[in-house]
Amino acid sequence: AHQEIDIKNPASNHHNPGFTDEERGKMTELLDSGFVDTF
C-alpha cells in the first residue's frame, strides 16, 4: 500500500509486511523512474 490513503489503518500497520517504509520507498523509486499509478 503505497501511501496512507491506500490502507484503512495506516498507524497500526506501519511496520507490517506491505506497509513498511522500505516497501513503500521501493514503489516510490519505481514511480520516480518513469511510471504512473493510474488509479
PDB file of all heavy atoms in Angstrom:
ATOM      1  N   ALA A   1       0.880  -1.168   0.000  1.00  0.00           N
ATOM      2  CA  ALA A   1       0.000   0.000   0.000  1.00  0.00           C
ATOM      3  C   ALA A   1       0.917   1.218   0.000  1.00  0.00           C
ATOM      4  O   ALA A   1       1.645   1.441   0.969  1.00  0.00           O
ATOM      5  CB  ALA A   1      -0.906  -0.016   1.227  1.00  0.00           C
ATOM      6  N   HIS A   2       0.910   1.975  -1.084  1.00  0.00           N
ATOM      7  CA  HIS A   2       1.956   2.977  -1.277  1.00  0.00           C
ATOM      8  C   HIS A   2       1.865   4.137  -0.288  1.00  0.00           C
ATOM      9  O   HIS A   2       2.858   4.537   0.313  1.00  0.00           O
ATOM     10  CB  HIS A   2       1.908   3.498  -2.719  1.00  0.00           C
ATOM     11  CG  HIS A   2       3.009   4.445  -3.041  1.00  0.00           C
ATOM     12  ND1 HIS A   2       2.849   5.539  -3.851  1.00  0.00           N
ATOM     13  CD2 HIS A   2       4.314   4.477  -2.636  1.00  0.00           C
ATOM     14  CE1 HIS A   2       3.987   6.194  -3.951  1.00  0.00           C
ATOM     15  NE2 HIS A   2       4.899   5.567  -3.222  1.00  0.00           N
ATOM     16  N   GLN A   3       0.671   4.688  -0.128  1.00  0.00           N
ATOM     17  CA  GLN A   3       0.505   5.854   0.744  1.00  0.00           C
ATOM     18  C   GLN A   3      -0.526   5.549   1.838  1.00  0.00           C
ATOM     19  O   GLN A   3      -1.272   4.582   1.736  1.00  0.00           O
ATOM     20  CB  GLN A   3       0.039   7.065  -0.080  1.00  0.00           C
ATOM     21  CG  GLN A   3       0.950   7.416  -1.249  1.00  0.00           C
ATOM     22  CD  GLN A   3       2.271   8.031  -0.828  1.00  0.00           C
ATOM     23  OE1 GLN A   3       2.540   8.209   0.366  1.00  0.00           O
ATOM     24  NE2 GLN A   3       3.115   8.347  -1.801  1.00  0.00           N
ATOM     25  N   GLU A   4      -0.579   6.412   2.833  1.00  0.00           N
ATOM     26  CA  GLU A   4      -1.529   6.180   3.918  1.00  0.00           C
ATOM     27  C   GLU A   4      -2.971   6.134   3.424  1.00  0.00           C
ATOM     28  O   GLU A   4      -3.808   5.415   3.974  1.00  0.00           O
ATOM     29  CB  GLU A   4      -1.368   7.257   5.004  1.00  0.00           C
ATOM     30  CG  GLU A   4      -0.062   7.114   5.765  1.00  0.00           C
ATOM     31  CD  GLU A   4      -0.025   7.923   7.053  1.00  0.00           C
ATOM     32  OE1 GLU A   4      -0.962   8.728   7.266  1.00  0.00           O
ATOM     33  OE2 GLU A   4       0.932   7.740   7.829  1.00  0.00           O
ATOM     34  N   ILE A   5      -3.276   6.850   2.347  1.00  0.00           N
ATOM     35  CA  ILE A   5      -4.618   6.842   1.779  1.00  0.00           C
ATOM     36  C   ILE A   5      -4.986   5.470   1.215  1.00  0.00           C
ATOM     37  O   ILE A   5      -6.165   5.165   1.013  1.00  0.00           O
ATOM     38  CB  ILE A   5      -4.723   7.932   0.674  1.00  0.00           C
ATOM     39  CG1 ILE A   5      -6.180   8.200   0.309  1.00  0.00           C
ATOM     40  CG2 ILE A   5      -3.905   7.551  -0.544  1.00  0.00           C
ATOM     41  CD1 ILE A   5      -6.363   9.358  -0.667  1.00  0.00           C
ATOM     42  N   ASP A   6      -3.987   4.619   0.988  1.00  0.00           N
ATOM     43  CA  ASP A   6      -4.194   3.313   0.362  1.00  0.00           C
ATOM     44  C   ASP A   6      -4.424   2.189   1.367  1.00  0.00           C
ATOM     45  O   ASP A   6      -4.445   1.013   0.972  1.00  0.00           O
ATOM     46  CB  ASP A   6      -2.990   2.955  -0.526  1.00  0.00           C
ATOM     47  CG  ASP A   6      -2.795   3.940  -1.658  1.00  0.00           C
ATOM     48  OD1 ASP A   6      -3.802   4.282  -2.307  1.00  0.00           O
ATOM     49  OD2 ASP A   6      -1.649   4.368  -1.897  1.00  0.00           O
ATOM     50  N   ILE A   7      -4.613   2.524   2.626  1.00  0.00           N
ATOM     51  CA  ILE A   7      -4.788   1.495   3.646  1.00  0.00           C
ATOM     52  C   ILE A   7      -5.723   2.028   4.724  1.00  0.00           C
ATOM     53  O   ILE A   7      -5.698   3.221   5.046  1.00  0.00           O
ATOM     54  CB  ILE A   7      -3.412   1.073   4.226  1.00  0.00           C
ATOM     55  CG1 ILE A   7      -3.540  -0.094   5.192  1.00  0.00           C
ATOM     56  CG2 ILE A   7      -2.680   2.242   4.834  1.00  0.00           C
ATOM     57  CD1 ILE A   7      -2.184  -0.686   5.602  1.00  0.00           C
ATOM     58  N   LYS A   8      -6.557   1.161   5.255  1.00  0.00           N
ATOM     59  CA  LYS A   8      -7.572   1.598   6.215  1.00  0.00           C
ATOM     60  C   LYS A   8      -6.959   2.066   7.530  1.00  0.00           C
ATOM     61  O   LYS A   8      -7.370   3.080   8.085  1.00  0.00           O
ATOM     62  CB  LYS A   8      -8.553   0.439   6.482  1.00  0.00           C
ATOM     63  CG  LYS A   8      -9.712   0.791   7.393  1.00  0.00           C
ATOM     64  CD  LYS A   8     -10.671   1.756   6.703  1.00  0.00           C
ATOM     65  CE  LYS A   8     -11.949   1.955   7.494  1.00  0.00           C
ATOM     66  NZ  LYS A   8     -12.883   2.837   6.776  1.00  0.00           N
ATOM     67  N   ASN A   9      -5.993   1.296   8.027  1.00  0.00           N
ATOM     68  CA  ASN A   9      -5.420   1.606   9.343  1.00  0.00           C
ATOM     69  C   ASN A   9      -3.905   1.791   9.248  1.00  0.00           C
ATOM     70  O   ASN A   9      -3.138   0.909   9.634  1.00  0.00           O
ATOM     71  CB  ASN A   9      -5.754   0.486  10.334  1.00  0.00           C
ATOM     72  CG  ASN A   9      -7.251   0.339  10.537  1.00  0.00           C
ATOM     73  OD1 ASN A   9      -7.931   1.279  10.907  1.00  0.00           O
ATOM     74  ND2 ASN A   9      -7.772  -0.861  10.282  1.00  0.00           N
ATOM     75  N   PRO A  10      -3.456   2.931   8.724  1.00  0.00           N
ATOM     76  CA  PRO A  10      -2.015   3.096   8.499  1.00  0.00           C
ATOM     77  C   PRO A  10      -1.167   3.045   9.768  1.00  0.00           C
ATOM     78  O   PRO A  10      -0.102   2.424   9.780  1.00  0.00           O
ATOM     79  CB  PRO A  10      -1.908   4.462   7.810  1.00  0.00           C
ATOM     80  CG  PRO A  10      -3.196   5.151   8.071  1.00  0.00           C
ATOM     81  CD  PRO A  10      -4.222   4.074   8.228  1.00  0.00           C
ATOM     82  N   ALA A  11      -1.651   3.636  10.845  1.00  0.00           N
ATOM     83  CA  ALA A  11      -0.833   3.711  12.056  1.00  0.00           C
ATOM     84  C   ALA A  11      -0.540   2.332  12.627  1.00  0.00           C
ATOM     85  O   ALA A  11       0.610   2.004  12.962  1.00  0.00           O
ATOM     86  CB  ALA A  11      -1.517   4.589  13.099  1.00  0.00           C
ATOM     87  N   SER A  12      -1.551   1.486  12.710  1.00  0.00           N
ATOM     88  CA  SER A  12      -1.363   0.168  13.332  1.00  0.00           C
ATOM     89  C   SER A  12      -0.653  -0.814  12.409  1.00  0.00           C
ATOM     90  O   SER A  12      -0.226  -1.883  12.839  1.00  0.00           O
ATOM     91  CB  SER A  12      -2.711  -0.408  13.764  1.00  0.00           C
ATOM     92  OG  SER A  12      -3.567  -0.581  12.661  1.00  0.00           O
ATOM     93  N   ASN A  13      -0.503  -0.466  11.128  1.00  0.00           N
ATOM     94  CA  ASN A  13       0.144  -1.378  10.172  1.00  0.00           C
ATOM     95  C   ASN A  13       1.536  -0.904   9.741  1.00  0.00           C
ATOM     96  O   ASN A  13       2.144  -1.525   8.866  1.00  0.00           O
ATOM     97  CB  ASN A  13      -0.734  -1.534   8.924  1.00  0.00           C
ATOM     98  CG  ASN A  13      -1.885  -2.493   9.155  1.00  0.00           C
ATOM     99  OD1 ASN A  13      -1.680  -3.680   9.360  1.00  0.00           O
ATOM    100  ND2 ASN A  13      -3.088  -1.958   9.148  1.00  0.00           N
ATOM    101  N   HIS A  14       2.025   0.136  10.377  1.00  0.00           N
ATOM    102  CA  HIS A  14       3.216   0.801   9.860  1.00  0.00           C
ATOM    103  C   HIS A  14       4.412  -0.132   9.636  1.00  0.00           C
ATOM    104  O   HIS A  14       5.153   0.022   8.664  1.00  0.00           O
ATOM    105  CB  HIS A  14       3.606   1.952  10.797  1.00  0.00           C
ATOM    106  CG  HIS A  14       4.752   2.766  10.303  1.00  0.00           C
ATOM    107  ND1 HIS A  14       5.473   3.603  11.097  1.00  0.00           N
ATOM    108  CD2 HIS A  14       5.329   2.865   9.074  1.00  0.00           C
ATOM    109  CE1 HIS A  14       6.440   4.178  10.390  1.00  0.00           C
ATOM    110  NE2 HIS A  14       6.373   3.754   9.165  1.00  0.00           N
ATOM    111  N   HIS A  15       4.604  -1.092  10.493  1.00  0.00           N
ATOM    112  CA  HIS A  15       5.774  -1.969  10.356  1.00  0.00           C
ATOM    113  C   HIS A  15       5.387  -3.372   9.887  1.00  0.00           C
ATOM    114  O   HIS A  15       6.185  -4.304   9.989  1.00  0.00           O
ATOM    115  CB  HIS A  15       6.547  -2.038  11.677  1.00  0.00           C
ATOM    116  CG  HIS A  15       7.087  -0.706  12.096  1.00  0.00           C
ATOM    117  ND1 HIS A  15       8.064  -0.045  11.385  1.00  0.00           N
ATOM    118  CD2 HIS A  15       6.764   0.113  13.138  1.00  0.00           C
ATOM    119  CE1 HIS A  15       8.336   1.109  11.969  1.00  0.00           C
ATOM    120  NE2 HIS A  15       7.549   1.234  13.035  1.00  0.00           N
ATOM    121  N   ASN A  16       4.176  -3.518   9.381  1.00  0.00           N
ATOM    122  CA  ASN A  16       3.722  -4.824   8.896  1.00  0.00           C
ATOM    123  C   ASN A  16       4.082  -5.024   7.429  1.00  0.00           C
ATOM    124  O   ASN A  16       4.255  -4.050   6.689  1.00  0.00           O
ATOM    125  CB  ASN A  16       2.204  -4.951   9.078  1.00  0.00           C
ATOM    126  CG  ASN A  16       1.817  -5.150  10.532  1.00  0.00           C
ATOM    127  OD1 ASN A  16       2.630  -5.570  11.346  1.00  0.00           O
ATOM    128  ND2 ASN A  16       0.573  -4.832  10.866  1.00  0.00           N
ATOM    129  N   PRO A  17       4.214  -6.302   6.997  1.00  0.00           N
ATOM    130  CA  PRO A  17       4.519  -6.572   5.588  1.00  0.00           C
ATOM    131  C   PRO A  17       3.519  -5.880   4.678  1.00  0.00           C
ATOM    132  O   PRO A  17       2.307  -5.964   4.892  1.00  0.00           O
ATOM    133  CB  PRO A  17       4.385  -8.097   5.484  1.00  0.00           C
ATOM    134  CG  PRO A  17       4.541  -8.611   6.871  1.00  0.00           C
ATOM    135  CD  PRO A  17       4.039  -7.552   7.785  1.00  0.00           C
ATOM    136  N   GLY A  18       4.023  -5.177   3.673  1.00  0.00           N
ATOM    137  CA  GLY A  18       3.176  -4.474   2.741  1.00  0.00           C
ATOM    138  C   GLY A  18       2.980  -3.007   3.064  1.00  0.00           C
ATOM    139  O   GLY A  18       2.443  -2.245   2.256  1.00  0.00           O
ATOM    140  N   PHE A  19       3.463  -2.585   4.249  1.00  0.00           N
ATOM    141  CA  PHE A  19       3.344  -1.169   4.602  1.00  0.00           C
ATOM    142  C   PHE A  19       4.557  -0.687   5.383  1.00  0.00           C
ATOM    143  O   PHE A  19       4.480   0.222   6.203  1.00  0.00           O
ATOM    144  CB  PHE A  19       2.046  -0.901   5.369  1.00  0.00           C
ATOM    145  CG  PHE A  19       1.628   0.554   5.355  1.00  0.00           C
ATOM    146  CD1 PHE A  19       1.360   1.204   4.154  1.00  0.00           C
ATOM    147  CD2 PHE A  19       1.507   1.266   6.538  1.00  0.00           C
ATOM    148  CE1 PHE A  19       0.979   2.543   4.143  1.00  0.00           C
ATOM    149  CE2 PHE A  19       1.130   2.616   6.538  1.00  0.00           C
ATOM    150  CZ  PHE A  19       0.867   3.247   5.337  1.00  0.00           C
ATOM    151  N   THR A  20       5.695  -1.305   5.127  1.00  0.00           N
ATOM    152  CA  THR A  20       6.930  -0.822   5.740  1.00  0.00           C
ATOM    153  C   THR A  20       7.471   0.370   4.944  1.00  0.00           C
ATOM    154  O   THR A  20       7.149   0.541   3.761  1.00  0.00           O
ATOM    155  CB  THR A  20       8.007  -1.914   5.762  1.00  0.00           C
ATOM    156  OG1 THR A  20       8.332  -2.271   4.406  1.00  0.00           O
ATOM    157  CG2 THR A  20       7.534  -3.151   6.515  1.00  0.00           C
ATOM    158  N   ASP A  21       8.281   1.153   5.584  1.00  0.00           N
ATOM    159  CA  ASP A  21       8.909   2.286   4.887  1.00  0.00           C
ATOM    160  C   ASP A  21       9.738   1.786   3.706  1.00  0.00           C
ATOM    161  O   ASP A  21       9.790   2.441   2.653  1.00  0.00           O
ATOM    162  CB  ASP A  21       9.805   3.066   5.853  1.00  0.00           C
ATOM    163  CG  ASP A  21       9.006   3.782   6.936  1.00  0.00           C
ATOM    164  OD1 ASP A  21       7.787   3.982   6.745  1.00  0.00           O
ATOM    165  OD2 ASP A  21       9.609   4.135   7.971  1.00  0.00           O
ATOM    166  N   GLU A  22      10.381   0.640   3.881  1.00  0.00           N
ATOM    167  CA  GLU A  22      11.237   0.109   2.825  1.00  0.00           C
ATOM    168  C   GLU A  22      10.428  -0.247   1.573  1.00  0.00           C
ATOM    169  O   GLU A  22      10.803   0.095   0.442  1.00  0.00           O
ATOM    170  CB  GLU A  22      11.997  -1.132   3.315  1.00  0.00           C
ATOM    171  CG  GLU A  22      13.020  -0.854   4.409  1.00  0.00           C
ATOM    172  CD  GLU A  22      12.444  -0.945   5.825  1.00  0.00           C
ATOM    173  OE1 GLU A  22      11.211  -0.862   5.984  1.00  0.00           O
ATOM    174  OE2 GLU A  22      13.247  -1.097   6.767  1.00  0.00           O
ATOM    175  N   GLU A  23       9.315  -0.956   1.766  1.00  0.00           N
ATOM    176  CA  GLU A  23       8.495  -1.371   0.619  1.00  0.00           C
ATOM    177  C   GLU A  23       7.852  -0.170  -0.063  1.00  0.00           C
ATOM    178  O   GLU A  23       7.829  -0.077  -1.298  1.00  0.00           O
ATOM    179  CB  GLU A  23       7.411  -2.348   1.084  1.00  0.00           C
ATOM    180  CG  GLU A  23       7.966  -3.683   1.536  1.00  0.00           C
ATOM    181  CD  GLU A  23       6.980  -4.459   2.397  1.00  0.00           C
ATOM    182  OE1 GLU A  23       6.416  -3.888   3.360  1.00  0.00           O
ATOM    183  OE2 GLU A  23       6.762  -5.631   2.089  1.00  0.00           O
ATOM    184  N   ARG A  24       7.343   0.742   0.730  1.00  0.00           N
ATOM    185  CA  ARG A  24       6.730   1.939   0.163  1.00  0.00           C
ATOM    186  C   ARG A  24       7.772   2.778  -0.585  1.00  0.00           C
ATOM    187  O   ARG A  24       7.479   3.360  -1.642  1.00  0.00           O
ATOM    188  CB  ARG A  24       6.072   2.749   1.273  1.00  0.00           C
ATOM    189  CG  ARG A  24       4.900   2.017   1.915  1.00  0.00           C
ATOM    190  CD  ARG A  24       4.454   2.670   3.206  1.00  0.00           C
ATOM    191  NE  ARG A  24       3.908   3.998   2.962  1.00  0.00           N
ATOM    192  CZ  ARG A  24       3.712   4.906   3.908  1.00  0.00           C
ATOM    193  NH1 ARG A  24       4.040   4.625   5.177  1.00  0.00           N
ATOM    194  NH2 ARG A  24       3.209   6.088   3.620  1.00  0.00           N
ATOM    195  N   GLY A  25       8.981   2.781  -0.043  1.00  0.00           N
ATOM    196  CA  GLY A  25      10.058   3.508  -0.709  1.00  0.00           C
ATOM    197  C   GLY A  25      10.404   2.931  -2.063  1.00  0.00           C
ATOM    198  O   GLY A  25      10.708   3.668  -3.014  1.00  0.00           O
ATOM    199  N   LYS A  26      10.350   1.608  -2.189  1.00  0.00           N
ATOM    200  CA  LYS A  26      10.640   0.969  -3.486  1.00  0.00           C
ATOM    201  C   LYS A  26       9.556   1.293  -4.512  1.00  0.00           C
ATOM    202  O   LYS A  26       9.851   1.457  -5.700  1.00  0.00           O
ATOM    203  CB  LYS A  26      10.793  -0.540  -3.333  1.00  0.00           C
ATOM    204  CG  LYS A  26      12.064  -0.964  -2.611  1.00  0.00           C
ATOM    205  CD  LYS A  26      13.322  -0.515  -3.336  1.00  0.00           C
ATOM    206  CE  LYS A  26      14.579  -0.961  -2.600  1.00  0.00           C
ATOM    207  NZ  LYS A  26      15.808  -0.370  -3.190  1.00  0.00           N
ATOM    208  N   MET A  27       8.299   1.381  -4.076  1.00  0.00           N
ATOM    209  CA  MET A  27       7.247   1.801  -5.007  1.00  0.00           C
ATOM    210  C   MET A  27       7.485   3.239  -5.465  1.00  0.00           C
ATOM    211  O   MET A  27       7.338   3.565  -6.651  1.00  0.00           O
ATOM    212  CB  MET A  27       5.864   1.651  -4.370  1.00  0.00           C
ATOM    213  CG  MET A  27       4.723   2.185  -5.232  1.00  0.00           C
ATOM    214  SD  MET A  27       4.578   1.370  -6.852  1.00  0.00           S
ATOM    215  CE  MET A  27       3.481   0.017  -6.398  1.00  0.00           C
ATOM    216  N   THR A  28       7.888   4.091  -4.533  1.00  0.00           N
ATOM    217  CA  THR A  28       8.214   5.474  -4.899  1.00  0.00           C
ATOM    218  C   THR A  28       9.345   5.507  -5.915  1.00  0.00           C
ATOM    219  O   THR A  28       9.284   6.251  -6.913  1.00  0.00           O
ATOM    220  CB  THR A  28       8.600   6.293  -3.652  1.00  0.00           C
ATOM    221  OG1 THR A  28       7.484   6.314  -2.752  1.00  0.00           O
ATOM    222  CG2 THR A  28       8.984   7.714  -4.012  1.00  0.00           C
ATOM    223  N   GLU A  29      10.386   4.696  -5.698  1.00  0.00           N
ATOM    224  CA  GLU A  29      11.501   4.636  -6.648  1.00  0.00           C
ATOM    225  C   GLU A  29      11.039   4.197  -8.030  1.00  0.00           C
ATOM    226  O   GLU A  29      11.476   4.747  -9.053  1.00  0.00           O
ATOM    227  CB  GLU A  29      12.575   3.669  -6.147  1.00  0.00           C
ATOM    228  CG  GLU A  29      13.451   4.204  -5.037  1.00  0.00           C
ATOM    229  CD  GLU A  29      14.560   3.214  -4.682  1.00  0.00           C
ATOM    230  OE1 GLU A  29      15.342   2.849  -5.582  1.00  0.00           O
ATOM    231  OE2 GLU A  29      14.622   2.792  -3.511  1.00  0.00           O
ATOM    232  N   LEU A  30      10.160   3.190  -8.072  1.00  0.00           N
ATOM    233  CA  LEU A  30       9.660   2.707  -9.360  1.00  0.00           C
ATOM    234  C   LEU A  30       8.883   3.807 -10.078  1.00  0.00           C
ATOM    235  O   LEU A  30       9.095   4.060 -11.275  1.00  0.00           O
ATOM    236  CB  LEU A  30       8.775   1.476  -9.146  1.00  0.00           C
ATOM    237  CG  LEU A  30       8.115   0.878 -10.398  1.00  0.00           C
ATOM    238  CD1 LEU A  30       9.158   0.457 -11.421  1.00  0.00           C
ATOM    239  CD2 LEU A  30       7.229  -0.309 -10.014  1.00  0.00           C
ATOM    240  N   LEU A  31       7.996   4.494  -9.359  1.00  0.00           N
ATOM    241  CA  LEU A  31       7.225   5.575  -9.971  1.00  0.00           C
ATOM    242  C   LEU A  31       8.147   6.710 -10.413  1.00  0.00           C
ATOM    243  O   LEU A  31       8.005   7.242 -11.526  1.00  0.00           O
ATOM    244  CB  LEU A  31       6.163   6.080  -8.995  1.00  0.00           C
ATOM    245  CG  LEU A  31       5.073   5.068  -8.616  1.00  0.00           C
ATOM    246  CD1 LEU A  31       4.167   5.642  -7.528  1.00  0.00           C
ATOM    247  CD2 LEU A  31       4.248   4.639  -9.822  1.00  0.00           C
ATOM    248  N   ASP A  32       9.099   7.056  -9.585  1.00  0.00           N
ATOM    249  CA  ASP A  32      10.021   8.145  -9.920  1.00  0.00           C
ATOM    250  C   ASP A  32      10.911   7.811 -11.117  1.00  0.00           C
ATOM    251  O   ASP A  32      11.445   8.708 -11.770  1.00  0.00           O
ATOM    252  CB  ASP A  32      10.896   8.500  -8.714  1.00  0.00           C
ATOM    253  CG  ASP A  32      10.132   9.238  -7.622  1.00  0.00           C
ATOM    254  OD1 ASP A  32       8.980   9.634  -7.877  1.00  0.00           O
ATOM    255  OD2 ASP A  32      10.682   9.393  -6.514  1.00  0.00           O
ATOM    256  N   SER A  33      11.067   6.514 -11.402  1.00  0.00           N
ATOM    257  CA  SER A  33      11.909   6.117 -12.538  1.00  0.00           C
ATOM    258  C   SER A  33      11.182   6.288 -13.873  1.00  0.00           C
ATOM    259  O   SER A  33      11.771   6.092 -14.928  1.00  0.00           O
ATOM    260  CB  SER A  33      12.377   4.659 -12.371  1.00  0.00           C
ATOM    261  OG  SER A  33      11.328   3.739 -12.656  1.00  0.00           O
ATOM    262  N   GLY A  34       9.894   6.643 -13.810  1.00  0.00           N
ATOM    263  CA  GLY A  34       9.185   6.945 -15.054  1.00  0.00           C
ATOM    264  C   GLY A  34       7.844   6.254 -15.222  1.00  0.00           C
ATOM    265  O   GLY A  34       7.392   6.053 -16.356  1.00  0.00           O
ATOM    266  N   PHE A  35       7.177   5.913 -14.113  1.00  0.00           N
ATOM    267  CA  PHE A  35       5.879   5.246 -14.181  1.00  0.00           C
ATOM    268  C   PHE A  35       4.816   6.022 -13.404  1.00  0.00           C
ATOM    269  O   PHE A  35       5.127   6.848 -12.547  1.00  0.00           O
ATOM    270  CB  PHE A  35       5.997   3.813 -13.642  1.00  0.00           C
ATOM    271  CG  PHE A  35       6.717   2.898 -14.590  1.00  0.00           C
ATOM    272  CD1 PHE A  35       8.107   2.796 -14.560  1.00  0.00           C
ATOM    273  CD2 PHE A  35       6.021   2.169 -15.539  1.00  0.00           C
ATOM    274  CE1 PHE A  35       8.782   1.987 -15.453  1.00  0.00           C
ATOM    275  CE2 PHE A  35       6.694   1.346 -16.435  1.00  0.00           C
ATOM    276  CZ  PHE A  35       8.073   1.251 -16.393  1.00  0.00           C
ATOM    277  N   VAL A  36       3.563   5.744 -13.735  1.00  0.00           N
ATOM    278  CA  VAL A  36       2.425   6.455 -13.158  1.00  0.00           C
ATOM    279  C   VAL A  36       1.449   5.437 -12.586  1.00  0.00           C
ATOM    280  O   VAL A  36       1.103   4.449 -13.246  1.00  0.00           O
ATOM    281  CB  VAL A  36       1.711   7.289 -14.245  1.00  0.00           C
ATOM    282  CG1 VAL A  36       0.481   7.980 -13.673  1.00  0.00           C
ATOM    283  CG2 VAL A  36       2.663   8.292 -14.870  1.00  0.00           C
ATOM    284  N   ASP A  37       0.987   5.685 -11.358  1.00  0.00           N
ATOM    285  CA  ASP A  37      -0.070   4.890 -10.728  1.00  0.00           C
ATOM    286  C   ASP A  37      -1.392   5.380 -11.314  1.00  0.00           C
ATOM    287  O   ASP A  37      -1.855   6.480 -10.999  1.00  0.00           O
ATOM    288  CB  ASP A  37      -0.004   5.101  -9.213  1.00  0.00           C
ATOM    289  CG  ASP A  37      -1.118   4.415  -8.442  1.00  0.00           C
ATOM    290  OD1 ASP A  37      -2.075   3.910  -9.053  1.00  0.00           O
ATOM    291  OD2 ASP A  37      -1.039   4.419  -7.191  1.00  0.00           O
ATOM    292  N   THR A  38      -2.020   4.573 -12.172  1.00  0.00           N
ATOM    293  CA  THR A  38      -3.160   5.060 -12.944  1.00  0.00           C
ATOM    294  C   THR A  38      -4.367   5.377 -12.065  1.00  0.00           C
ATOM    295  O   THR A  38      -5.117   6.311 -12.367  1.00  0.00           O
ATOM    296  CB  THR A  38      -3.559   4.059 -14.037  1.00  0.00           C
ATOM    297  OG1 THR A  38      -3.877   2.788 -13.445  1.00  0.00           O
ATOM    298  CG2 THR A  38      -2.425   3.880 -15.035  1.00  0.00           C
ATOM    299  N   PHE A  39      -4.566   4.627 -10.999  1.00  0.00           N
ATOM    300  CA  PHE A  39      -5.718   4.915 -10.139  1.00  0.00           C
ATOM    301  C   PHE A  39      -5.563   6.275  -9.475  1.00  0.00           C
ATOM    302  O   PHE A  39      -6.501   7.081  -9.453  1.00  0.00           O
ATOM    303  CB  PHE A  39      -5.919   3.815  -9.091  1.00  0.00           C
ATOM    304  CG  PHE A  39      -7.164   4.024  -8.270  1.00  0.00           C
ATOM    305  CD1 PHE A  39      -8.408   3.684  -8.783  1.00  0.00           C
ATOM    306  CD2 PHE A  39      -7.106   4.586  -7.006  1.00  0.00           C
ATOM    307  CE1 PHE A  39      -9.577   3.912  -8.044  1.00  0.00           C
ATOM    308  CE2 PHE A  39      -8.253   4.805  -6.259  1.00  0.00           C
ATOM    309  CZ  PHE A  39      -9.504   4.466  -6.785  1.00  0.00           C
TER     310      PHE A  39
END
